[in-house]
């Protein structure tokens, strides 16, 4: 018997779509995504202007980060589990009226969406007073799945109750859409006077768009990887960052970042059939922060939307985060991220950081 469980879990199965996954910096994630004004050169993947901030004894940094955000705003996963339990009971030991119960549960799933974003990235940075530079490799995948109920399943479920059909005969679909983005580039920085820091990342991009509808009874996660289900593109782009440091010690910081300065549109498949368009457009984020020895805080907001694709809705985030430090060796972090478009769940975050001997960082 085919299980409905993949309806809830398929987003995880789709994650290898590009075997790539945006950069999700562990320190920034713990602060709700706040990281444009906080940190030093080894945290510059979010804001290239940070590549200019380093101590005299800093000479090299290797950073590797992995992260994941999940949004089940519609409660799809719990509802899917309820439907699965009821369907199991219908097939194993049917009772009068069970088919109506299962049909109502399946119908309640209609239009519910789960969205997942997973990311990883690597940065090798060499700070210097002439031209700080870093190699940046990063990737992310964003996946959305939606349940599409077929009204004909009411009759199929009645047949299952009578022993004349199985769950393989159900006609409802699981629709899935995904964006895979891989980037590799060089980051450069430049200080202008004592207060202004500038940075840029020149990068090559690989974009993969995938979408398809699957019958719930015949769905296999690897089907999404079929070449016929996705389109791939190459692109050249640039990120820009700027920090303005104020105060006697530069502890007050205003920042601005532009992601993907070069816009371009890409056509890909639509989960329900036909085609869909992904518009890669510049995203401008502004931030204000305080960065002291023992306490750091930041608020930032996307001034423009982050475009979606097919089932993936557009987003526009506001983020706030704080960090408490015991010197340079132990850090507690907390934050909050809200979608101003109200398309994905708001999240509360927390994390810790340990820096033994000021030589390497472990951040969760």
Protein backbone atom coordinates (compact mmCIF):
# COMPACT_ATOMS: atom_id res chain seq x y z
CA UNK A 1 0.00 0.00 0.00
CA UNK A 2 1.34 3.43 -0.95
CA UNK A 3 1.66 5.74 2.02
CA UNK A 4 0.59 9.38 2.02
CA UNK A 5 3.56 10.20 4.25
CA UNK A 6 5.65 11.55 1.32
CA UNK A 7 3.15 14.39 1.06
CA UNK A 8 4.66 15.79 4.22
CA UNK A 9 8.22 14.59 3.75
CA UNK A 10 8.82 15.01 0.04
CA UNK A 11 10.25 18.49 0.49
CA UNK A 12 13.18 16.90 2.27
CA UNK A 13 13.55 14.36 -0.51
CA UNK A 14 13.65 17.19 -3.03
CA UNK A 15 16.47 18.99 -1.27
CA UNK A 16 19.20 17.20 -3.26
CA UNK A 17 17.68 18.66 -6.42
CA UNK A 18 20.82 20.65 -7.10
CA UNK A 19 22.86 18.92 -4.43
CA UNK A 20 23.31 22.54 -3.71
CA UNK A 21 21.81 24.31 -1.21
CA UNK A 22 21.60 30.51 0.09
CA UNK A 23 24.14 30.92 2.44
CA UNK A 24 22.91 30.28 5.90
CA UNK A 25 25.49 31.65 8.35
CA UNK A 26 25.07 29.89 11.71
CA UNK A 27 25.71 33.05 13.72
CA UNK A 28 23.28 35.15 11.70
CA UNK A 29 20.64 32.39 11.73
CA UNK A 30 20.76 32.28 15.52
CA UNK A 31 20.06 36.02 15.48
CA UNK A 32 17.03 35.65 13.22
CA UNK A 33 19.06 36.47 10.11
CA UNK A 34 20.62 39.66 11.53
CA UNK A 35 24.25 39.90 10.43
CA UNK A 36 24.78 42.86 8.12
CA UNK A 37 26.39 45.06 10.78
CA UNK A 38 27.64 42.42 13.23
CA UNK A 39 30.81 40.41 13.06
CA UNK A 40 34.09 40.63 11.21
CA UNK A 41 35.69 39.56 7.94
CA UNK A 42 35.01 35.88 8.55
CA UNK A 43 31.24 36.60 8.59
CA UNK A 44 31.18 38.61 5.37
CA UNK A 45 29.10 36.20 3.26
CA UNK A 46 25.93 38.12 4.19
CA UNK A 47 27.46 41.58 3.72
CA UNK A 48 30.67 41.88 1.66
CA UNK A 49 31.52 45.19 3.37
CA UNK A 50 32.39 43.22 6.53
CA UNK A 51 35.49 41.87 4.76
CA UNK A 52 37.16 45.15 5.77
CA UNK A 53 36.80 44.53 9.53
CA UNK A 54 39.71 42.53 10.96
CA UNK A 55 42.39 42.72 13.64
CA UNK A 56 46.08 43.22 12.98
CA UNK A 57 46.88 39.61 13.85
CA UNK A 58 44.17 38.17 11.55
CA UNK A 59 45.65 36.56 8.46
CA UNK A 60 43.34 33.77 7.28
CA UNK A 61 39.85 32.37 7.79
CA UNK A 62 38.07 29.24 6.61
CA UNK A 63 34.31 29.19 7.26
CA UNK A 64 31.77 26.46 6.50
CA UNK A 65 28.07 26.84 7.27
CA UNK A 66 24.95 24.74 6.83
CA UNK A 67 21.38 25.68 7.69
CA UNK A 68 17.68 25.06 7.08
CA UNK A 69 14.43 26.98 7.46
CA UNK A 70 11.06 25.25 7.23
CA UNK A 71 7.57 26.76 7.04
CA UNK A 72 4.40 24.73 7.62
CA UNK A 73 2.16 27.77 8.00
CA UNK A 74 -0.97 25.85 6.93
CA UNK A 75 -0.40 22.90 9.28
CA UNK A 76 -0.04 20.51 6.33
CA UNK A 77 2.23 17.99 8.04
CA UNK A 78 -0.08 17.32 11.00
CA UNK A 79 -3.10 17.17 8.71
CA UNK A 80 -1.29 14.71 6.43
CA UNK A 81 -0.52 12.43 9.37
CA UNK A 82 -4.21 12.45 10.36
CA UNK A 83 -5.22 11.58 6.79
CA UNK A 84 -2.62 8.80 6.63
CA UNK A 85 -3.84 7.19 9.86
CA UNK A 86 -7.44 7.31 8.65
CA UNK A 87 -6.50 5.83 5.25
CA UNK A 88 -4.58 3.00 6.94
CA UNK A 89 -7.65 2.19 9.02
CA UNK A 90 -9.85 2.31 5.92
CA UNK A 91 -7.70 -0.23 4.07
CA UNK A 92 -6.89 -2.49 7.01
CA UNK A 93 -10.23 -2.64 8.84
CA UNK A 94 -12.92 -0.60 7.08
CA UNK A 95 -15.98 0.48 9.01
CA UNK A 96 -19.15 2.05 7.60
CA UNK A 97 -18.57 5.76 7.01
CA UNK A 98 -14.75 5.59 7.10
CA UNK A 99 -14.51 6.57 3.44
CA UNK A 100 -16.40 9.80 4.16
CA UNK A 101 -14.04 10.57 7.04
CA UNK A 102 -10.95 10.03 4.88
CA UNK A 103 -12.41 12.05 2.02
CA UNK A 104 -13.08 14.97 4.35
CA UNK A 105 -9.49 14.81 5.61
CA UNK A 106 -8.06 14.71 2.10
CA UNK A 107 -10.31 17.58 1.05
CA UNK A 108 -9.07 19.62 4.02
CA UNK A 109 -5.51 19.23 2.68
CA UNK A 110 -6.39 20.93 -0.59
CA UNK A 111 -4.23 24.00 -1.20
CA UNK A 112 -2.05 23.59 1.88
CA UNK A 113 1.62 24.38 1.28
CA UNK A 114 4.90 23.45 2.97
CA UNK A 115 8.02 25.49 2.12
CA UNK A 116 11.63 24.59 2.89
CA UNK A 117 14.89 26.48 2.37
CA UNK A 118 18.22 24.74 2.89
CA UNK A 119 21.62 26.31 2.39
CA UNK A 120 25.31 25.78 2.71
CA UNK A 121 28.37 27.85 1.95
CA UNK A 122 32.11 28.09 2.21
CA UNK A 123 34.35 31.15 2.50
CA UNK A 124 38.14 31.38 2.47
CA UNK A 125 39.17 34.92 3.41
CA UNK A 126 42.55 36.68 3.42
CA UNK A 127 42.38 40.05 5.18
CA UNK A 128 44.94 42.73 4.42
CA UNK A 129 45.12 46.51 4.46
CA UNK A 130 45.62 46.81 0.69
CA UNK A 131 42.75 44.73 -0.73
CA UNK A 132 40.99 42.22 1.51
CA UNK A 133 39.76 39.29 -0.57
CA UNK A 134 37.78 36.08 -0.13
CA UNK A 135 36.71 33.09 -2.17
CA UNK A 136 32.99 32.42 -1.69
CA UNK A 137 31.11 29.27 -2.70
CA UNK A 138 27.49 29.04 -1.68
CA UNK A 139 24.27 27.38 -2.67
CA UNK A 140 20.66 26.99 -1.62
CA UNK A 141 17.50 25.20 -2.57
CA UNK A 142 13.97 26.45 -1.91
CA UNK A 143 11.16 23.92 -2.23
CA UNK A 144 7.39 24.22 -2.03
CA UNK A 145 4.82 21.41 -2.12
CA UNK A 146 1.03 21.72 -2.31
CA UNK A 147 -1.72 19.10 -2.06
CA UNK A 148 -4.21 19.17 -4.94
CA UNK A 149 -7.42 17.30 -4.05
CA UNK A 150 -9.37 15.46 -6.78
CA UNK A 151 -13.11 15.30 -6.12
CA UNK A 152 -13.23 11.91 -7.85
CA UNK A 153 -11.43 10.41 -4.87
CA UNK A 154 -14.71 10.34 -2.92
CA UNK A 155 -15.87 7.48 -5.17
CA UNK A 156 -12.44 5.78 -5.00
CA UNK A 157 -12.50 5.85 -1.20
CA UNK A 158 -16.00 4.37 -1.18
CA UNK A 159 -14.68 1.57 -3.40
CA UNK A 160 -11.77 1.02 -0.99
CA UNK A 161 -14.28 0.70 1.86
CA UNK A 162 -16.08 -1.98 -0.18
CA UNK A 163 -12.85 -3.81 -0.97
CA UNK A 164 -13.01 -2.96 -4.68
CA UNK A 165 -10.03 -0.54 -4.86
CA UNK A 166 -6.80 0.42 -3.11
CA UNK A 167 -5.04 3.69 -2.32
CA UNK A 168 -3.10 3.26 -5.58
CA UNK A 169 -6.31 4.26 -7.36
CA UNK A 170 -6.48 7.72 -5.76
CA UNK A 171 -6.29 10.64 -8.21
CA UNK A 172 -5.27 13.53 -5.95
CA UNK A 173 -1.89 15.04 -6.69
CA UNK A 174 1.08 16.41 -4.87
CA UNK A 175 2.46 19.45 -6.66
CA UNK A 176 6.11 20.37 -6.12
CA UNK A 177 8.25 23.37 -7.19
CA UNK A 178 11.90 24.09 -6.44
CA UNK A 179 14.62 26.65 -7.09
CA UNK A 180 18.24 25.55 -6.86
CA UNK A 181 20.94 28.23 -6.85
CA UNK A 182 24.69 27.65 -6.73
CA UNK A 183 27.23 30.48 -6.73
CA UNK A 184 31.01 30.82 -6.77
CA UNK A 185 32.86 34.11 -6.74
CA UNK A 186 35.44 36.47 -5.36
CA UNK A 187 34.74 39.05 -2.68
CA UNK A 188 36.68 42.29 -2.42
CA UNK A 189 36.66 45.12 0.11
CA UNK A 190 37.81 48.72 0.39
CA UNK A 191 37.81 51.23 3.23
CA UNK A 192 37.13 54.89 2.49
CA UNK A 193 38.43 56.94 5.36
CA UNK A 194 37.82 55.70 8.89
CA UNK A 195 34.03 55.35 8.73
CA UNK A 196 32.97 53.96 5.35
CA UNK A 197 33.49 50.33 4.30
CA UNK A 198 32.61 49.01 0.85
CA UNK A 199 32.49 45.48 -0.49
CA UNK A 200 31.52 43.55 -3.60
CA UNK A 201 31.21 39.91 -4.61
CA UNK A 202 31.55 39.04 -8.29
CA UNK A 203 29.99 35.65 -8.85
CA UNK A 204 29.00 33.03 -11.39
CA UNK A 205 25.58 31.47 -10.83
CA UNK A 206 23.88 28.21 -11.75
CA UNK A 207 20.08 28.35 -11.54
CA UNK A 208 17.88 25.25 -11.69
CA UNK A 209 14.08 25.39 -11.78
CA UNK A 210 11.96 22.29 -11.29
CA UNK A 211 8.24 21.65 -10.91
CA UNK A 212 5.82 18.80 -11.49
CA UNK A 213 2.61 17.21 -10.32
CA UNK A 214 2.62 13.65 -8.96
CA UNK A 215 -0.17 11.23 -8.32
CA UNK A 216 -0.15 10.56 -4.57
CA UNK A 217 -0.10 6.83 -5.14
CA UNK A 218 2.80 6.75 -7.60
CA UNK A 219 4.96 9.56 -6.25
CA UNK A 220 8.66 8.82 -6.03
CA UNK A 221 11.00 11.55 -4.81
CA UNK A 222 13.65 10.74 -7.42
CA UNK A 223 11.16 11.53 -10.19
CA UNK A 224 11.66 15.21 -9.47
CA UNK A 225 15.29 14.84 -10.53
CA UNK A 226 14.39 13.80 -14.07
CA UNK A 227 16.00 16.07 -16.64
CA UNK A 228 12.62 16.59 -18.26
CA UNK A 229 11.27 18.17 -15.08
CA UNK A 230 13.74 21.03 -14.77
CA UNK A 231 15.49 23.85 -16.61
CA UNK A 232 19.06 25.01 -15.95
CA UNK A 233 20.68 28.38 -16.61
CA UNK A 234 24.03 30.14 -16.08
CA UNK A 235 24.33 33.79 -15.10
CA UNK A 236 26.90 36.35 -13.93
CA UNK A 237 25.97 38.63 -11.05
CA UNK A 238 27.29 40.87 -8.28
CA UNK A 239 26.43 41.65 -4.65
CA UNK A 240 27.29 45.03 -3.13
CA UNK A 241 27.60 46.07 0.51
CA UNK A 242 28.34 49.25 2.45
CA UNK A 243 28.81 49.96 6.14
CA UNK A 244 28.96 53.37 7.81
CA UNK A 245 30.49 53.25 11.29
CA UNK A 246 29.57 55.95 13.79
CA UNK A 247 30.53 56.65 17.39
CA UNK A 248 33.89 57.00 19.11
CA UNK A 249 34.78 53.35 18.42
CA UNK A 250 32.60 52.74 15.40
CA UNK A 251 30.16 50.76 17.52
CA UNK A 252 27.06 52.15 15.79
CA UNK A 253 26.70 50.83 12.25
CA UNK A 254 24.38 51.59 9.35
CA UNK A 255 24.50 49.09 6.51
CA UNK A 256 23.01 48.44 3.10
CA UNK A 257 23.31 45.37 0.87
CA UNK A 258 22.16 44.77 -2.70
CA UNK A 259 21.92 41.12 -3.72
CA UNK A 260 21.92 40.14 -7.40
CA UNK A 261 22.44 43.57 -8.93
CA UNK A 262 22.04 42.21 -12.49
CA UNK A 263 18.37 41.23 -13.07
CA UNK A 264 17.26 38.44 -15.36
CA UNK A 265 14.17 36.29 -15.90
CA UNK A 266 14.19 32.52 -16.31
CA UNK A 267 11.46 30.22 -17.59
CA UNK A 268 10.82 26.87 -15.94
CA UNK A 269 8.10 24.23 -15.60
CA UNK A 270 4.94 24.73 -13.56
CA UNK A 271 3.76 22.03 -11.19
CA UNK A 272 0.22 22.11 -12.58
CA UNK A 273 1.45 22.03 -16.19
CA UNK A 274 2.73 24.65 -18.61
CA UNK A 275 5.48 27.06 -17.62
CA UNK A 276 6.30 29.51 -14.84
CA UNK A 277 8.70 32.45 -14.63
CA UNK A 278 11.36 33.15 -12.02
CA UNK A 279 12.46 36.76 -11.92
CA UNK A 280 15.87 37.26 -10.34
CA UNK A 281 15.77 40.92 -9.34
CA UNK A 282 17.93 43.03 -7.01
CA UNK A 283 17.05 42.71 -3.33
CA UNK A 284 17.94 45.74 -1.21
CA UNK A 285 18.31 45.25 2.56
CA UNK A 286 18.99 48.03 5.09
CA UNK A 287 20.25 47.55 8.63
CA UNK A 288 21.12 49.44 11.80
CA UNK A 289 23.15 47.87 14.57
CA UNK A 290 25.20 48.28 17.69
CA UNK A 291 28.36 46.23 18.09
CA UNK A 292 29.99 46.45 21.49
CA UNK A 293 32.41 44.13 23.30
CA UNK A 294 29.80 42.27 25.35
CA UNK A 295 26.56 43.07 23.58
CA UNK A 296 25.50 43.33 19.94
CA UNK A 297 22.12 44.07 18.39
CA UNK A 298 20.77 44.61 14.89
CA UNK A 299 17.54 45.28 13.06
CA UNK A 300 17.34 44.86 9.28
CA UNK A 301 14.59 44.79 6.71
CA UNK A 302 14.24 43.90 3.03
CA UNK A 303 13.22 47.06 1.19
CA UNK A 304 12.26 45.03 -1.88
CA UNK A 305 10.58 41.63 -2.24
CA UNK A 306 12.31 38.31 -2.81
CA UNK A 307 10.52 36.83 -5.78
CA UNK A 308 9.05 33.37 -5.65
CA UNK A 309 8.55 30.75 -8.34
CA UNK A 310 5.40 28.81 -9.09
CA UNK A 311 4.31 27.36 -5.70
CA UNK A 312 7.04 29.28 -3.87
CA UNK A 313 5.52 32.58 -2.73
CA UNK A 314 7.38 35.89 -2.66
CA UNK A 315 8.75 37.03 0.71
CA UNK A 316 10.01 40.22 2.33
CA UNK A 317 11.67 39.81 5.70
CA UNK A 318 12.23 41.96 8.78
CA UNK A 319 14.81 40.58 11.21
CA UNK A 320 16.00 41.46 14.69
CA UNK A 321 18.80 39.84 16.65
CA UNK A 322 20.96 40.20 19.76
CA UNK A 323 24.17 38.60 20.96
CA UNK A 324 25.70 38.47 24.44
CA UNK A 325 29.40 37.65 24.68
CA UNK A 326 31.76 36.60 27.45
CA UNK A 327 34.82 38.17 25.88
CA UNK A 328 35.70 36.51 22.56
CA UNK A 329 35.19 32.96 23.73
CA UNK A 330 31.49 32.32 24.43
CA UNK A 331 28.38 33.82 22.83
CA UNK A 332 24.62 33.55 23.35
CA UNK A 333 22.38 34.63 20.48
CA UNK A 334 18.65 35.11 19.91
CA UNK A 335 16.50 36.62 17.20
CA UNK A 336 13.21 36.91 15.36
CA UNK A 337 12.34 36.86 11.66
CA UNK A 338 8.97 37.93 10.22
CA UNK A 339 7.70 37.83 6.65
CA UNK A 340 6.06 41.16 5.81
CA UNK A 341 4.14 39.38 3.02
CA UNK A 342 2.83 36.82 5.51
CA UNK A 343 3.55 33.95 3.13
CA UNK A 344 5.88 31.92 5.36
CA UNK A 345 5.98 31.34 9.10
CA UNK A 346 7.60 33.80 11.48
CA UNK A 347 10.46 32.23 13.43
CA UNK A 348 12.08 32.70 16.82
CA UNK A 349 15.72 31.66 16.85
CA UNK A 350 18.51 31.03 19.35
CA UNK A 351 22.06 29.75 19.30
CA UNK A 352 25.46 29.55 20.96
CA UNK A 353 29.01 30.13 19.83
CA UNK A 354 32.29 28.89 21.28
CA UNK A 355 35.68 30.23 20.22
CA UNK A 356 38.43 28.15 21.85
CA UNK A 357 41.77 29.97 22.04
CA UNK A 358 40.40 32.51 19.54
CA UNK A 359 41.55 30.12 16.77
CA UNK A 360 38.36 28.44 15.58
CA UNK A 361 34.61 28.88 15.99
CA UNK A 362 31.88 26.36 16.73
CA UNK A 363 28.48 27.94 16.15
CA UNK A 364 25.10 26.27 16.53
